[in-house]
Protein backbone atom coordinates (compact mmCIF):
# COMPACT_ATOMS: atom_id res chain seq x y z
CA MET A 1 220.10 88.01 50.72
CA ALA A 2 218.50 91.47 50.38
CA SER A 3 218.43 93.81 53.36
CA THR A 4 215.26 95.55 54.58
CA ASP A 5 214.87 98.75 56.57
CA GLY A 6 212.01 98.76 59.07
CA LEU A 7 210.98 98.23 62.65
CA LEU A 8 212.11 95.29 64.74
CA VAL A 9 209.71 94.42 67.54
CA MET A 10 210.21 92.08 70.49
CA ALA A 11 207.09 91.02 72.39
CA ASP A 12 208.20 89.30 75.60
CA ILE A 13 206.03 87.70 78.32
CA SER A 14 207.23 89.07 81.66
CA GLY A 15 207.61 86.73 84.62
CA TYR A 16 207.51 83.55 82.60
CA THR A 17 210.87 82.19 83.77
CA ALA A 18 209.75 82.20 87.43
CA PHE A 19 206.31 80.94 86.33
CA VAL A 20 207.78 77.86 84.59
CA SER A 21 210.34 77.03 87.26
CA GLY A 22 207.72 76.78 89.99
CA THR A 23 204.77 75.16 88.21
CA GLU A 24 203.58 72.02 86.46
CA HIS A 25 205.17 71.64 83.02
CA GLU A 26 202.13 70.47 81.05
CA HIS A 27 199.78 73.30 82.06
CA SER A 28 202.48 75.99 81.92
CA ARG A 29 203.24 74.84 78.37
CA GLU A 30 199.56 75.07 77.41
CA ILE A 31 199.24 78.52 78.99
CA LEU A 32 202.30 79.83 77.12
CA ALA A 33 201.04 78.45 73.80
CA GLU A 34 197.63 80.13 74.27
CA LEU A 35 199.19 83.47 75.17
CA ILE A 36 201.64 83.39 72.28
CA GLU A 37 198.76 82.54 69.93
CA ASN A 38 196.75 85.41 71.35
CA ILE A 39 199.58 87.89 70.77
CA ALA A 40 200.09 86.60 67.19
CA LYS A 41 196.38 86.84 66.46
CA SER A 42 196.26 90.40 67.76
CA PHE A 43 199.00 91.43 65.35
CA GLY A 44 196.60 90.32 62.65
CA GLY A 45 199.20 90.20 59.84
CA ARG A 46 200.24 93.81 60.48
CA LEU A 47 203.52 92.59 61.96
CA SER A 48 205.45 89.71 60.43
CA ILE A 49 206.21 87.09 63.10
CA ASP A 50 209.67 86.01 62.04
CA GLN A 51 210.85 84.07 65.11
CA VAL A 52 209.16 82.45 68.12
CA GLU A 53 211.71 82.31 70.90
CA GLY A 54 210.21 80.55 73.91
CA ASP A 55 208.18 83.20 75.68
CA ALA A 56 208.96 85.93 73.13
CA LEU A 57 208.11 86.85 69.53
CA CYS A 58 210.56 88.61 67.23
CA CYS A 59 208.60 90.56 64.62
CA THR A 60 209.26 92.99 61.80
CA THR A 61 207.37 95.50 59.72
CA ALA A 62 208.22 97.87 56.93
CA ARG A 63 205.96 100.41 58.61
CA THR A 64 207.86 102.92 60.75
CA ASP A 65 205.08 105.39 61.70
CA VAL A 66 203.56 105.87 65.13
CA GLU A 67 200.62 103.62 64.32
CA VAL A 68 202.86 100.62 65.09
CA GLY A 69 202.86 101.79 68.71
CA ASP A 70 199.05 101.87 68.59
CA TRP A 71 199.03 98.26 67.37
CA LEU A 72 201.25 97.21 70.29
CA ARG A 73 198.92 98.86 72.83
CA GLU A 74 195.97 97.03 71.21
CA THR A 75 197.92 93.78 71.58
CA PHE A 76 198.64 94.61 75.20
CA VAL A 77 194.94 95.13 75.87
CA ALA A 78 194.04 91.85 74.16
CA PHE A 79 196.74 90.03 76.16
CA HIS A 80 195.43 91.21 79.50
CA ARG A 81 191.82 90.49 78.62
CA ARG A 82 192.88 86.97 77.71
CA LEU A 83 194.76 86.62 81.03
CA ARG A 84 191.59 87.74 82.88
CA ASP A 85 189.50 85.28 80.88
CA MET A 86 191.97 82.49 81.58
CA ARG A 87 191.74 83.14 85.30
CA ALA A 88 187.93 83.18 85.10
CA ALA A 89 187.84 79.95 83.11
CA THR A 90 190.33 78.06 85.25
CA THR A 91 189.14 75.71 87.97
CA CYS A 92 192.37 73.66 88.12
CA PRO A 93 194.13 74.07 91.49
CA CYS A 94 197.64 73.41 90.12
CA GLN A 95 200.34 76.03 90.66
CA ALA A 96 200.55 76.96 86.99
CA CYS A 97 196.86 77.71 86.67
CA GLN A 98 196.78 79.68 89.91
CA MET A 99 199.77 81.82 88.91
CA ILE A 100 198.44 82.98 85.54
CA GLY A 101 197.84 86.46 86.95
CA ASN A 102 201.60 86.92 87.64
CA LEU A 103 202.38 87.11 83.95
CA GLY A 104 202.79 90.34 82.02
CA LEU A 105 203.90 91.66 78.63
CA LYS A 106 206.56 94.09 77.46
CA PHE A 107 207.70 95.35 74.06
CA VAL A 108 210.98 96.59 72.65
CA VAL A 109 210.95 98.50 69.33
CA HIS A 110 214.02 99.47 67.27
CA ARG A 111 214.42 100.71 63.72
CA GLY A 112 217.19 99.18 61.70
CA THR A 113 218.32 96.99 58.87
CA PHE A 114 217.78 93.26 58.74
CA SER A 115 217.75 90.36 56.34
CA ARG A 116 216.29 86.87 56.34
CA GLN A 117 218.26 83.68 55.75
CA VAL A 118 217.34 79.99 55.94
CA VAL A 119 219.28 77.95 58.49
CA ALA A 120 218.52 74.23 58.70
CA GLY A 121 215.26 74.88 56.89
CA VAL A 122 214.17 77.60 59.30
CA VAL A 123 213.97 81.32 58.41
CA GLN A 124 216.18 83.43 60.70
CA LEU A 125 216.65 87.17 60.99
CA HIS A 126 220.22 88.42 60.54
CA GLY A 127 221.96 91.68 61.21
CA ALA A 128 223.50 93.91 63.88
CA ASP A 129 220.16 95.60 64.57
CA VAL A 130 218.56 92.16 65.14
CA ASN A 131 221.19 91.49 67.79
CA LEU A 132 220.61 94.91 69.35
CA VAL A 133 216.86 94.55 69.70
CA HIS A 134 217.44 91.29 71.57
CA ARG A 135 220.02 93.00 73.81
CA LEU A 136 217.44 95.65 74.63
CA LEU A 137 215.30 93.05 76.43
CA LYS A 138 217.95 93.30 79.19
CA ASN A 139 217.53 96.91 80.17
CA THR A 140 217.24 99.30 83.12
CA VAL A 141 213.53 100.07 82.78
CA PRO A 142 212.18 99.92 86.40
CA LEU A 143 208.88 98.33 85.33
CA ARG A 144 207.68 94.85 84.31
CA GLU A 145 205.25 96.03 81.62
CA TYR A 146 206.34 98.72 79.19
CA LEU A 147 207.02 99.73 75.62
CA LEU A 148 210.70 100.61 75.18
CA ALA A 149 211.48 102.42 71.91
CA THR A 150 214.88 103.49 70.69
CA ASP A 151 215.33 106.99 69.28
CA ALA A 152 215.90 105.38 65.92
CA ALA A 153 212.42 103.80 66.15
CA CYS A 154 210.44 106.83 67.27
CA ALA A 155 212.38 109.66 65.56
CA ALA A 156 209.65 109.94 62.91
CA TRP A 157 206.78 109.83 65.43
CA PRO A 158 204.89 113.06 66.23
CA GLU A 159 206.20 114.88 69.30
CA ASN A 160 202.82 114.68 71.07
CA ALA A 161 202.88 110.89 70.74
CA ARG A 162 206.17 110.78 72.69
CA THR A 163 205.30 113.11 75.58
CA ALA A 164 204.39 110.22 77.93
CA TYR A 165 207.68 108.42 77.28
CA VAL A 166 210.44 108.52 79.93
CA ARG A 167 214.04 108.87 78.80
CA ALA A 168 216.02 105.68 79.47
CA PRO A 169 219.38 105.54 77.64
CA GLN A 170 220.87 102.04 77.68
CA HIS A 171 224.55 101.14 77.92
CA TYR A 172 226.01 97.97 76.38
CA ASP A 173 229.43 96.75 75.43
CA VAL A 174 228.51 97.51 71.81
CA GLY A 175 227.85 101.17 72.71
CA ASP A 176 225.17 103.45 74.11
CA VAL A 177 221.58 103.30 72.83
CA GLU A 178 219.28 106.31 73.22
CA ALA A 179 215.78 105.12 74.14
CA ALA A 180 212.65 105.97 76.11
CA TYR A 181 209.86 103.89 77.64
CA LEU A 182 206.09 104.11 78.05
CA ASP A 183 204.50 102.69 81.22
CA LEU A 184 201.70 100.35 80.08
CA ALA A 185 200.05 99.97 83.52
CA PRO A 186 197.40 102.65 82.79
CA VAL A 187 196.61 100.86 79.50
CA ARG A 188 196.12 97.60 81.41
CA ASP A 189 193.96 99.20 84.13
CA GLY A 190 191.75 100.92 81.60
CA ALA A 191 191.25 97.75 79.57
CA LEU A 192 190.19 95.71 82.55
CA ARG A 193 188.10 98.40 84.22
CA GLU A 194 185.85 98.93 81.22
CA GLU A 195 184.65 95.34 80.92
CA ARG A 196 181.24 94.50 82.34
CA GLN A 197 180.82 90.90 83.49
CA ARG A 198 177.01 90.72 83.49
CA VAL A 199 173.97 92.97 83.29
CA ARG A 200 171.69 93.18 86.29
CA ARG A 201 167.99 93.48 85.52
CA ASP A 202 167.71 96.67 87.58
CA GLU A 203 170.36 98.45 85.47
CA ALA A 204 169.21 97.19 82.06
CA LYS A 205 168.18 99.77 79.43
CA LEU A 206 166.12 97.06 77.70
CA ARG A 207 164.58 93.89 79.13
CA MET A 208 162.94 91.05 77.25
CA THR A 209 161.51 87.68 78.27
CA ARG A 210 160.83 84.69 76.05
CA ARG A 211 159.53 81.21 76.86
CA PHE A 212 160.51 78.10 74.95
CA ASP A 213 158.93 74.67 74.94
CA ALA A 214 162.24 72.87 75.52
CA PRO A 215 164.51 72.02 78.49
CA PRO A 216 167.20 74.56 79.51
CA GLU A 217 170.09 72.46 78.28
CA ARG A 218 168.68 72.35 74.75
CA VAL A 219 168.00 76.08 74.76
CA TRP A 220 171.52 76.72 76.00
CA GLN A 221 173.01 74.53 73.30
CA LEU A 222 171.33 76.61 70.56
CA MET A 223 172.58 79.78 72.24
CA ILE A 224 176.25 78.73 72.03
CA ASP A 225 176.40 76.54 68.92
CA PRO A 226 177.90 78.47 65.97
CA VAL A 227 176.07 76.28 63.43
CA ALA A 228 172.75 77.01 65.13
CA ARG A 229 173.62 80.70 65.41
CA LYS A 230 174.22 80.82 61.66
CA ARG A 231 170.69 79.50 61.03
CA ILE A 232 169.07 81.63 63.70
CA MET A 233 170.73 84.84 62.49
CA GLN A 234 170.21 83.83 58.84
CA VAL A 235 173.72 84.85 57.82
CA PRO A 236 175.99 83.19 55.23
CA ARG A 237 178.71 82.27 57.71
CA VAL A 238 179.64 82.18 61.41
CA ASP A 239 183.25 81.56 62.43
CA PHE A 240 183.83 80.53 66.03
CA GLU A 241 187.02 81.22 67.99
CA ALA A 242 187.27 79.36 71.29
CA GLY A 243 187.78 81.27 74.49
CA ALA A 244 190.34 81.01 77.28
CA ARG A 245 191.56 77.47 77.98
CA GLY A 246 189.15 76.21 75.35
CA SER A 247 186.13 77.53 77.26
CA LEU A 248 183.37 79.99 76.31
CA VAL A 249 184.90 82.86 78.30
CA GLY A 250 186.39 85.22 75.75
CA ALA A 251 185.07 83.17 72.81
CA GLU A 252 184.04 85.07 69.67
CA TYR A 253 181.39 84.48 67.05
CA HIS A 254 182.28 86.25 63.80
CA CYS A 255 179.03 86.55 61.91
CA GLU A 256 179.54 87.37 58.23
CA HIS A 257 176.78 89.35 56.58
CA GLY A 258 178.18 89.33 53.06
CA GLY A 259 181.03 91.32 51.58
CA ASP A 260 183.47 92.65 54.20
CA HIS A 261 180.81 93.23 56.86
CA ALA A 262 180.99 91.09 59.96
CA THR A 263 179.50 91.36 63.46
CA VAL A 264 181.63 90.05 66.33
CA PHE A 265 179.87 88.72 69.41
CA ARG A 266 182.27 88.13 72.27
CA VAL A 267 181.40 86.03 75.33
CA VAL A 268 182.17 87.93 78.51
CA SER A 269 181.01 85.29 81.00
CA ALA A 270 179.23 81.96 80.90
CA GLU A 271 177.70 79.68 83.51
CA ARG A 272 176.31 76.59 81.81
CA PRO A 273 173.37 76.29 81.37
CA SER A 274 172.01 79.21 83.38
CA GLU A 275 173.63 82.50 82.32
CA LEU A 276 175.44 83.92 79.26
CA THR A 277 176.75 87.44 78.82
CA THR A 278 177.85 88.66 75.39
CA THR A 279 178.96 92.01 74.01
CA VAL A 280 178.79 93.47 70.49
CA GLU A 281 178.95 96.81 68.73
CA PHE A 282 175.47 98.08 67.85
CA PRO A 283 174.43 100.98 65.58
CA PHE A 284 173.85 104.38 67.21
CA VAL A 285 174.74 103.34 70.78
CA GLY A 286 178.11 101.63 70.39
CA ARG A 287 178.98 98.67 72.61
CA ILE A 288 176.11 96.84 74.22
CA TYR A 289 176.15 94.04 76.82
CA ARG A 290 173.49 91.39 76.98
CA THR A 291 172.94 88.87 79.78
CA ASP A 292 170.59 85.94 79.11
CA ARG A 293 169.41 84.08 82.17
CA VAL A 294 168.08 80.60 81.40
CA VAL A 295 165.44 79.59 83.94
CA PRO A 296 163.65 76.20 84.14
CA GLU A 297 159.89 76.67 84.07
CA GLY A 298 157.79 73.50 84.30
CA THR A 299 158.74 71.34 81.33
CA GLY A 300 160.00 74.35 79.39
CA THR A 301 162.43 77.25 79.74
CA ARG A 302 162.16 81.00 80.33
CA VAL A 303 164.99 83.24 79.07
CA ASP A 304 165.23 86.67 80.72
CA SER A 305 167.40 89.06 78.71
CA ALA A 306 168.90 92.25 80.19
CA ILE A 307 170.68 94.66 77.78
CA TYR A 308 172.85 97.62 78.76
CA TRP A 309 174.82 100.35 76.98
CA ASP A 310 176.37 103.62 78.08
CA GLU A 311 173.89 106.38 77.38
CA PRO A 312 175.22 108.75 74.69
CA SER A 313 174.84 112.50 75.26
CA GLY A 314 173.25 115.14 73.03
CA LEU A 315 169.87 115.44 71.28
CA LYS A 316 171.07 113.68 68.13
CA ALA A 317 172.53 110.83 70.19
CA ARG A 318 169.33 110.41 72.17
CA PHE A 319 167.34 110.19 68.94
CA GLY A 320 169.79 107.54 67.76
CA THR A 321 169.16 105.64 71.00
CA VAL A 322 165.43 105.55 70.25
CA VAL A 323 166.17 104.11 66.82
CA ALA A 324 168.64 101.64 68.29
CA VAL A 325 166.08 100.34 70.80
CA GLN A 326 163.53 99.78 68.03
CA MET A 327 166.18 97.91 66.04
CA MET A 328 167.10 95.78 69.04
CA LYS A 329 163.50 94.85 69.71
CA ARG A 330 162.98 93.78 66.08
CA TYR A 331 166.29 91.95 65.87
CA PHE A 332 166.06 90.12 69.20
CA THR A 333 162.41 89.21 68.61
CA ARG A 334 163.28 87.71 65.23
CA TYR A 335 166.23 85.89 66.84
CA ASN A 336 163.95 84.40 69.47
CA ASP A 337 161.35 83.46 66.85
CA ASN A 338 163.98 81.60 64.83
CA THR A 339 165.24 79.87 68.00
CA ALA A 340 161.73 78.72 68.83
CA ALA A 341 161.31 77.39 65.28
CA MET A 342 164.48 75.35 65.59
CA LEU A 343 163.45 73.98 68.99
CA ASN A 344 160.14 72.83 67.47
CA GLU A 345 161.85 70.90 64.71
CA PRO A 346 161.50 67.12 65.13
CA ALA A 347 164.59 65.42 66.55
CA ALA A 348 166.75 63.59 64.00
CA THR A 349 166.07 59.85 63.76
CA PRO A 350 169.13 57.78 64.74
CA ALA A 351 170.70 55.92 61.82
């Protein structure tokens, strides 16, 4: 049973004990499973998830540099965006669904030695440092969302990366542990403040209108169907990841263009079958937001598209914006042409 030196990380959902005790079991279980899955997905293989312990994950990594802290902040952002999407997608009046917003996330990081052993067919972490990182979940940090790092964990981190941390030595029966914590509230506020829910026509940097000879529901279905999107975009592959509570809110379309290049379209908001807002990174201008409004028009459908991006500064950036607008017009026109072609295909004959 070989020992390994590295970082031990606990990711713990704050407020879950009170959440479970006062809510419906079935929905609280589903909510926990979705949030744990979201955290695991955000780690993206960079952290090894060794143990799932109710509302917490015990993880390890051989990496000990400051970038691990960056990963945890990214996970924290993803967690709160999923919470927001879950609230937006939830219409259930039960206590569990209404109390989603009371949940939070905290991290504990410690550097030490650990080993893995199989107990009853399940891999378990073993070692004094494993016990310590669990102890550290019970601490004196006066916050509900934070990143608590022991001195052993952050000793190798650059000094400027530790300036925002507050000293918080912990005292246990096994001895004193020197540590410091980072308040994650500003990270949460920044992550939620930057997200645009829809683009108004009066603020759009680019507006387009297209009419289709098909009812709104059929147009909508092509807009959201990953198989249709693959054909419309003419790409080799589109992987779809469902959004919050199995809805479209927060869903992602990973469009593979060959090799390692992929474009990720994320659904920000959706009102079937009338309005869809998506966001994606676009060349020269960065993140763009697009709201498609699906309007019945006689026996057909009109789609009004409003696209927004933050205007970059500088002469070179403004030139890039001009190029980006030309690219958008070509790309979105081709997308609409391919959509129209699919809508004009004869319906399949029932078997």
